[in-house]
Amino acid sequence: MATTLLGNADIGLFTFYASVHPTDTCGNNGLPVTPNSIKILGRFQKLKSITHPNLCQYIDIVRGKHERLVIITEYHKATLASLIQTGEYKDIFEIQTLAYNVMMGLDYLHFKNIVHRFLSPEYIIE
């Protein structure tokens, strides 16, 4: 069933620790009243609801012990950066199509009031 949902994508797992934000207030036990991981979980729910043919799908997020978060996403091996290195994009029509698809994905994010703050060839997939 997962292959139907993912199409030609693989599953990617990313893990990180949510650090305590300096403006978080602490309770009597010394722990943040609203841990950063809970804030991230709330923001992730918005990202998880985004579905567009020109954007990767966030599948799920799991909160573990000690503010550890595991994000499960679609994963594609071929990026624009890797295709540029191999010289696969030589035809102007292919480049125009890719640029159009990137703009359509960004336009959808803009419509949802989301800003991609680190757009680079490594984050554009084929």
N, C-alpha and C. Protein backbone atom coordinates (compact mmCIF):
# COMPACT_ATOMS: atom_id res chain seq x y z
N MET A 1 0.82 -1.20 0.00
CA MET A 1 0.00 0.00 0.00
C MET A 1 0.86 1.26 0.00
N ALA A 2 2.00 1.24 0.69
CA ALA A 2 2.86 2.43 0.73
C ALA A 2 3.38 2.78 -0.65
N THR A 3 3.65 1.78 -1.49
CA THR A 3 4.16 2.09 -2.82
C THR A 3 3.11 2.80 -3.66
N THR A 4 1.84 2.50 -3.44
CA THR A 4 0.78 3.20 -4.16
C THR A 4 0.76 4.67 -3.77
N LEU A 5 0.90 4.96 -2.50
CA LEU A 5 0.89 6.34 -2.03
C LEU A 5 2.13 7.10 -2.48
N LEU A 6 3.26 6.42 -2.53
CA LEU A 6 4.51 7.10 -2.82
C LEU A 6 4.83 7.18 -4.31
N GLY A 7 4.13 6.43 -5.14
CA GLY A 7 4.45 6.45 -6.56
C GLY A 7 5.85 5.90 -6.79
N ASN A 8 6.71 6.70 -7.43
CA ASN A 8 8.08 6.24 -7.68
C ASN A 8 9.07 6.73 -6.63
N ALA A 9 8.58 7.24 -5.52
CA ALA A 9 9.45 7.74 -4.45
C ALA A 9 9.78 6.63 -3.46
N ASP A 10 10.90 6.79 -2.78
CA ASP A 10 11.25 5.93 -1.66
C ASP A 10 10.80 6.62 -0.38
N ILE A 11 11.02 5.96 0.75
CA ILE A 11 10.71 6.57 2.04
C ILE A 11 12.00 7.14 2.61
N GLY A 12 11.94 8.38 3.08
CA GLY A 12 13.08 9.01 3.72
C GLY A 12 12.81 9.24 5.18
N LEU A 13 13.79 9.01 6.02
CA LEU A 13 13.68 9.27 7.45
C LEU A 13 14.74 10.27 7.85
N PHE A 14 14.30 11.29 8.56
CA PHE A 14 15.22 12.31 9.07
C PHE A 14 14.97 12.42 10.56
N THR A 15 16.03 12.47 11.32
CA THR A 15 15.88 12.57 12.76
C THR A 15 16.69 13.75 13.29
N PHE A 16 16.15 14.41 14.27
CA PHE A 16 16.87 15.50 14.91
C PHE A 16 16.30 15.73 16.30
N TYR A 17 17.03 16.50 17.08
CA TYR A 17 16.59 16.86 18.42
C TYR A 17 16.10 18.30 18.39
N ALA A 18 14.94 18.52 18.97
CA ALA A 18 14.40 19.87 19.07
C ALA A 18 15.06 20.54 20.28
N SER A 19 15.81 21.59 20.02
CA SER A 19 16.49 22.28 21.12
C SER A 19 15.51 23.20 21.84
N VAL A 20 15.82 23.46 23.08
CA VAL A 20 14.98 24.35 23.87
C VAL A 20 15.21 25.78 23.39
N HIS A 21 14.13 26.47 23.15
CA HIS A 21 14.22 27.86 22.68
C HIS A 21 14.46 28.77 23.87
N PRO A 22 15.32 29.80 23.74
CA PRO A 22 15.67 30.65 24.89
C PRO A 22 14.48 31.39 25.49
N THR A 23 13.40 31.61 24.73
CA THR A 23 12.26 32.35 25.27
C THR A 23 11.21 31.43 25.89
N ASP A 24 11.44 30.10 25.87
CA ASP A 24 10.49 29.18 26.49
C ASP A 24 10.47 29.40 28.00
N THR A 25 9.29 29.41 28.57
CA THR A 25 9.17 29.51 30.03
C THR A 25 9.14 28.11 30.62
N CYS A 26 9.68 27.96 31.81
CA CYS A 26 9.78 26.65 32.44
C CYS A 26 8.78 26.53 33.58
N GLY A 27 8.33 25.31 33.78
CA GLY A 27 7.43 25.01 34.89
C GLY A 27 8.22 24.74 36.16
N ASN A 28 7.52 24.28 37.21
CA ASN A 28 8.15 24.00 38.50
C ASN A 28 9.21 22.91 38.40
N ASN A 29 9.07 22.02 37.41
CA ASN A 29 10.04 20.92 37.27
C ASN A 29 11.27 21.32 36.46
N GLY A 30 11.33 22.56 35.99
CA GLY A 30 12.47 23.03 35.23
C GLY A 30 12.40 22.73 33.74
N LEU A 31 11.36 22.03 33.31
CA LEU A 31 11.20 21.72 31.89
C LEU A 31 10.36 22.79 31.22
N PRO A 32 10.60 23.03 29.93
CA PRO A 32 9.80 24.04 29.22
C PRO A 32 8.31 23.71 29.29
N VAL A 33 7.48 24.74 29.48
CA VAL A 33 6.03 24.54 29.54
C VAL A 33 5.54 24.00 28.19
N THR A 34 6.03 24.54 27.11
CA THR A 34 5.71 24.04 25.78
C THR A 34 7.02 23.69 25.10
N PRO A 35 7.42 22.42 25.17
CA PRO A 35 8.69 22.03 24.54
C PRO A 35 8.68 22.35 23.05
N ASN A 36 9.85 22.64 22.54
CA ASN A 36 10.00 22.99 21.14
C ASN A 36 9.47 21.88 20.23
N SER A 37 9.60 20.61 20.65
CA SER A 37 9.12 19.51 19.82
C SER A 37 7.60 19.58 19.63
N ILE A 38 6.88 20.06 20.63
CA ILE A 38 5.42 20.18 20.50
C ILE A 38 5.09 21.29 19.50
N LYS A 39 5.85 22.39 19.54
CA LYS A 39 5.64 23.45 18.56
C LYS A 39 5.91 22.94 17.15
N ILE A 40 6.98 22.16 17.01
CA ILE A 40 7.33 21.61 15.70
C ILE A 40 6.24 20.65 15.24
N LEU A 41 5.71 19.83 16.14
CA LEU A 41 4.62 18.91 15.79
C LEU A 41 3.42 19.66 15.25
N GLY A 42 3.09 20.79 15.87
CA GLY A 42 1.96 21.59 15.40
C GLY A 42 2.19 22.14 14.01
N ARG A 43 3.40 22.63 13.77
CA ARG A 43 3.72 23.16 12.43
C ARG A 43 3.75 22.04 11.40
N PHE A 44 4.20 20.88 11.82
CA PHE A 44 4.28 19.75 10.90
C PHE A 44 2.89 19.33 10.42
N GLN A 45 1.89 19.42 11.27
CA GLN A 45 0.54 19.03 10.86
C GLN A 45 0.09 19.83 9.65
N LYS A 46 0.49 21.10 9.58
CA LYS A 46 0.16 21.92 8.41
C LYS A 46 0.91 21.41 7.18
N LEU A 47 2.19 21.09 7.35
CA LEU A 47 2.98 20.59 6.22
C LEU A 47 2.47 19.23 5.74
N LYS A 48 2.02 18.41 6.68
CA LYS A 48 1.54 17.08 6.33
C LYS A 48 0.28 17.15 5.46
N SER A 49 -0.48 18.22 5.59
CA SER A 49 -1.72 18.35 4.83
C SER A 49 -1.50 18.85 3.40
N ILE A 50 -0.28 19.24 3.08
CA ILE A 50 0.01 19.78 1.76
C ILE A 50 0.21 18.65 0.76
N THR A 51 -0.60 18.66 -0.28
CA THR A 51 -0.43 17.69 -1.36
C THR A 51 -0.46 18.44 -2.68
N HIS A 52 0.59 18.27 -3.44
CA HIS A 52 0.70 18.93 -4.74
C HIS A 52 1.63 18.07 -5.59
N PRO A 53 1.34 17.91 -6.88
CA PRO A 53 2.17 17.05 -7.71
C PRO A 53 3.62 17.51 -7.86
N ASN A 54 3.91 18.76 -7.56
CA ASN A 54 5.27 19.27 -7.69
C ASN A 54 5.98 19.41 -6.35
N LEU A 55 5.43 18.83 -5.30
CA LEU A 55 6.04 18.90 -3.97
C LEU A 55 6.12 17.51 -3.36
N CYS A 56 7.20 17.25 -2.60
CA CYS A 56 7.30 15.99 -1.87
C CYS A 56 6.26 15.98 -0.74
N GLN A 57 5.81 14.81 -0.41
CA GLN A 57 4.79 14.65 0.62
C GLN A 57 5.45 14.30 1.95
N TYR A 58 5.09 15.03 2.99
CA TYR A 58 5.46 14.63 4.35
C TYR A 58 4.46 13.57 4.77
N ILE A 59 4.95 12.46 5.26
CA ILE A 59 4.07 11.34 5.58
C ILE A 59 3.70 11.33 7.06
N ASP A 60 4.69 11.44 7.93
CA ASP A 60 4.40 11.39 9.36
C ASP A 60 5.57 11.96 10.14
N ILE A 61 5.33 12.21 11.41
CA ILE A 61 6.38 12.64 12.34
C ILE A 61 6.15 11.90 13.65
N VAL A 62 7.23 11.47 14.26
CA VAL A 62 7.14 10.73 15.52
C VAL A 62 7.99 11.45 16.55
N ARG A 63 7.41 11.69 17.70
CA ARG A 63 8.12 12.34 18.80
C ARG A 63 8.60 11.27 19.77
N GLY A 64 9.92 11.21 19.96
CA GLY A 64 10.50 10.23 20.87
C GLY A 64 10.94 10.87 22.18
N LYS A 65 11.74 10.14 22.90
CA LYS A 65 12.25 10.63 24.18
C LYS A 65 13.24 11.76 23.96
N HIS A 66 13.36 12.61 24.95
CA HIS A 66 14.36 13.68 24.98
C HIS A 66 14.26 14.62 23.78
N GLU A 67 13.04 14.96 23.38
CA GLU A 67 12.79 15.92 22.30
C GLU A 67 13.30 15.44 20.94
N ARG A 68 13.47 14.14 20.78
CA ARG A 68 13.90 13.59 19.49
C ARG A 68 12.69 13.48 18.56
N LEU A 69 12.86 13.94 17.32
CA LEU A 69 11.80 13.87 16.32
C LEU A 69 12.29 13.08 15.12
N VAL A 70 11.43 12.24 14.57
CA VAL A 70 11.72 11.49 13.36
C VAL A 70 10.68 11.89 12.33
N ILE A 71 11.13 12.41 11.19
CA ILE A 71 10.24 12.85 10.13
C ILE A 71 10.31 11.83 9.01
N ILE A 72 9.15 11.39 8.54
CA ILE A 72 9.06 10.41 7.46
C ILE A 72 8.49 11.14 6.24
N THR A 73 9.23 11.10 5.13
CA THR A 73 8.85 11.83 3.93
C THR A 73 9.06 10.97 2.69
N GLU A 74 8.55 11.49 1.58
CA GLU A 74 8.95 10.93 0.30
C GLU A 74 10.42 11.25 0.10
N TYR A 75 11.12 10.38 -0.60
CA TYR A 75 12.54 10.59 -0.85
C TYR A 75 12.85 10.23 -2.29
N HIS A 76 13.52 11.11 -2.97
CA HIS A 76 13.95 10.88 -4.35
C HIS A 76 15.46 11.01 -4.41
N LYS A 77 16.10 10.08 -5.07
CA LYS A 77 17.57 10.08 -5.14
C LYS A 77 18.10 11.13 -6.10
N ALA A 78 17.40 11.35 -7.21
CA ALA A 78 17.88 12.29 -8.23
C ALA A 78 17.46 13.71 -7.88
N THR A 79 18.43 14.59 -7.72
CA THR A 79 18.15 16.01 -7.48
C THR A 79 18.63 16.81 -8.69
N LEU A 80 18.22 18.05 -8.75
CA LEU A 80 18.69 18.92 -9.83
C LEU A 80 20.21 19.04 -9.79
N ALA A 81 20.77 19.11 -8.60
CA ALA A 81 22.23 19.22 -8.46
C ALA A 81 22.92 18.01 -9.08
N SER A 82 22.40 16.80 -8.82
CA SER A 82 23.03 15.60 -9.38
C SER A 82 22.83 15.53 -10.89
N LEU A 83 21.68 16.00 -11.38
CA LEU A 83 21.44 15.98 -12.83
C LEU A 83 22.30 17.01 -13.56
N ILE A 84 22.57 18.14 -12.92
CA ILE A 84 23.45 19.14 -13.53
C ILE A 84 24.86 18.56 -13.67
N GLN A 85 25.31 17.84 -12.64
CA GLN A 85 26.66 17.24 -12.68
C GLN A 85 26.78 16.20 -13.78
N THR A 86 25.71 15.45 -14.04
CA THR A 86 25.77 14.42 -15.08
C THR A 86 25.50 15.00 -16.47
N GLY A 87 25.03 16.24 -16.53
CA GLY A 87 24.75 16.87 -17.81
C GLY A 87 23.46 16.41 -18.46
N GLU A 88 22.52 15.86 -17.66
CA GLU A 88 21.28 15.35 -18.24
C GLU A 88 20.36 16.45 -18.76
N TYR A 89 20.43 17.64 -18.20
CA TYR A 89 19.55 18.72 -18.65
C TYR A 89 20.28 19.56 -19.69
N LYS A 90 20.18 19.16 -20.93
CA LYS A 90 20.81 19.91 -22.02
C LYS A 90 19.76 20.55 -22.92
N ASP A 91 18.60 19.96 -22.99
CA ASP A 91 17.54 20.45 -23.87
C ASP A 91 16.82 21.62 -23.20
N ILE A 92 16.64 22.71 -23.92
CA ILE A 92 16.00 23.92 -23.36
C ILE A 92 14.56 23.64 -22.95
N PHE A 93 13.86 22.77 -23.67
CA PHE A 93 12.48 22.44 -23.31
C PHE A 93 12.43 21.75 -21.94
N GLU A 94 13.38 20.84 -21.68
CA GLU A 94 13.44 20.16 -20.37
C GLU A 94 13.69 21.17 -19.26
N ILE A 95 14.57 22.12 -19.51
CA ILE A 95 14.88 23.15 -18.50
C ILE A 95 13.67 24.03 -18.25
N GLN A 96 12.95 24.41 -19.31
CA GLN A 96 11.75 25.23 -19.16
C GLN A 96 10.67 24.47 -18.39
N THR A 97 10.51 23.18 -18.69
CA THR A 97 9.51 22.36 -17.99
C THR A 97 9.85 22.25 -16.51
N LEU A 98 11.12 22.02 -16.21
CA LEU A 98 11.55 21.93 -14.81
C LEU A 98 11.30 23.25 -14.09
N ALA A 99 11.67 24.36 -14.70
CA ALA A 99 11.47 25.68 -14.09
C ALA A 99 9.98 25.93 -13.84
N TYR A 100 9.14 25.57 -14.80
CA TYR A 100 7.70 25.74 -14.65
C TYR A 100 7.18 24.91 -13.47
N ASN A 101 7.62 23.65 -13.37
CA ASN A 101 7.18 22.79 -12.27
C ASN A 101 7.62 23.33 -10.91
N VAL A 102 8.84 23.85 -10.84
CA VAL A 102 9.33 24.45 -9.60
C VAL A 102 8.46 25.65 -9.23
N MET A 103 8.17 26.49 -10.20
CA MET A 103 7.34 27.68 -9.95
C MET A 103 5.92 27.29 -9.52
N MET A 104 5.37 26.24 -10.09
CA MET A 104 4.03 25.79 -9.69
C MET A 104 4.03 25.31 -8.23
N GLY A 105 5.08 24.58 -7.84
CA GLY A 105 5.19 24.14 -6.45
C GLY A 105 5.34 25.31 -5.50
N LEU A 106 6.19 26.28 -5.86
CA LEU A 106 6.37 27.47 -5.02
C LEU A 106 5.11 28.31 -4.95
N ASP A 107 4.39 28.40 -6.06
CA ASP A 107 3.14 29.15 -6.08
C ASP A 107 2.12 28.52 -5.12
N TYR A 108 2.08 27.20 -5.10
CA TYR A 108 1.15 26.52 -4.19
C TYR A 108 1.54 26.78 -2.73
N LEU A 109 2.85 26.72 -2.45
CA LEU A 109 3.30 27.03 -1.08
C LEU A 109 2.93 28.46 -0.70
N HIS A 110 3.10 29.38 -1.62
CA HIS A 110 2.74 30.78 -1.38
C HIS A 110 1.25 30.89 -1.09
N PHE A 111 0.43 30.17 -1.84
CA PHE A 111 -1.02 30.16 -1.62
C PHE A 111 -1.35 29.67 -0.21
N LYS A 112 -0.56 28.73 0.31
CA LYS A 112 -0.76 28.19 1.66
C LYS A 112 -0.03 29.00 2.74
N ASN A 113 0.54 30.16 2.35
CA ASN A 113 1.29 31.03 3.27
C ASN A 113 2.50 30.34 3.89
N ILE A 114 3.21 29.57 3.06
CA ILE A 114 4.43 28.89 3.48
C ILE A 114 5.57 29.39 2.62
N VAL A 115 6.70 29.68 3.27
CA VAL A 115 7.89 30.15 2.56
C VAL A 115 8.95 29.06 2.64
N HIS A 116 9.51 28.69 1.49
CA HIS A 116 10.65 27.77 1.47
C HIS A 116 11.89 28.65 1.61
N ARG A 117 12.53 28.57 2.75
CA ARG A 117 13.61 29.50 3.05
C ARG A 117 14.99 29.04 2.61
N PHE A 118 15.06 27.88 1.96
CA PHE A 118 16.38 27.40 1.57
C PHE A 118 16.29 26.63 0.25
N LEU A 119 15.82 27.29 -0.78
CA LEU A 119 15.67 26.66 -2.08
C LEU A 119 17.02 26.59 -2.78
N SER A 120 17.41 25.40 -3.19
CA SER A 120 18.68 25.19 -3.88
C SER A 120 18.55 23.96 -4.77
N PRO A 121 19.48 23.74 -5.69
CA PRO A 121 19.41 22.56 -6.57
C PRO A 121 19.36 21.23 -5.81
N GLU A 122 19.89 21.19 -4.60
CA GLU A 122 19.84 19.96 -3.81
C GLU A 122 18.43 19.62 -3.34
N TYR A 123 17.53 20.61 -3.30
CA TYR A 123 16.17 20.39 -2.82
C TYR A 123 15.15 20.31 -3.95
N ILE A 124 15.61 20.37 -5.19
CA ILE A 124 14.73 20.20 -6.33
C ILE A 124 14.96 18.79 -6.87
N ILE A 125 13.89 18.00 -6.90
CA ILE A 125 14.04 16.60 -7.29
C ILE A 125 13.45 16.36 -8.66
N GLU A 126 13.87 15.27 -9.26
CA GLU A 126 13.37 14.89 -10.57
C GLU A 126 12.18 13.99 -10.42
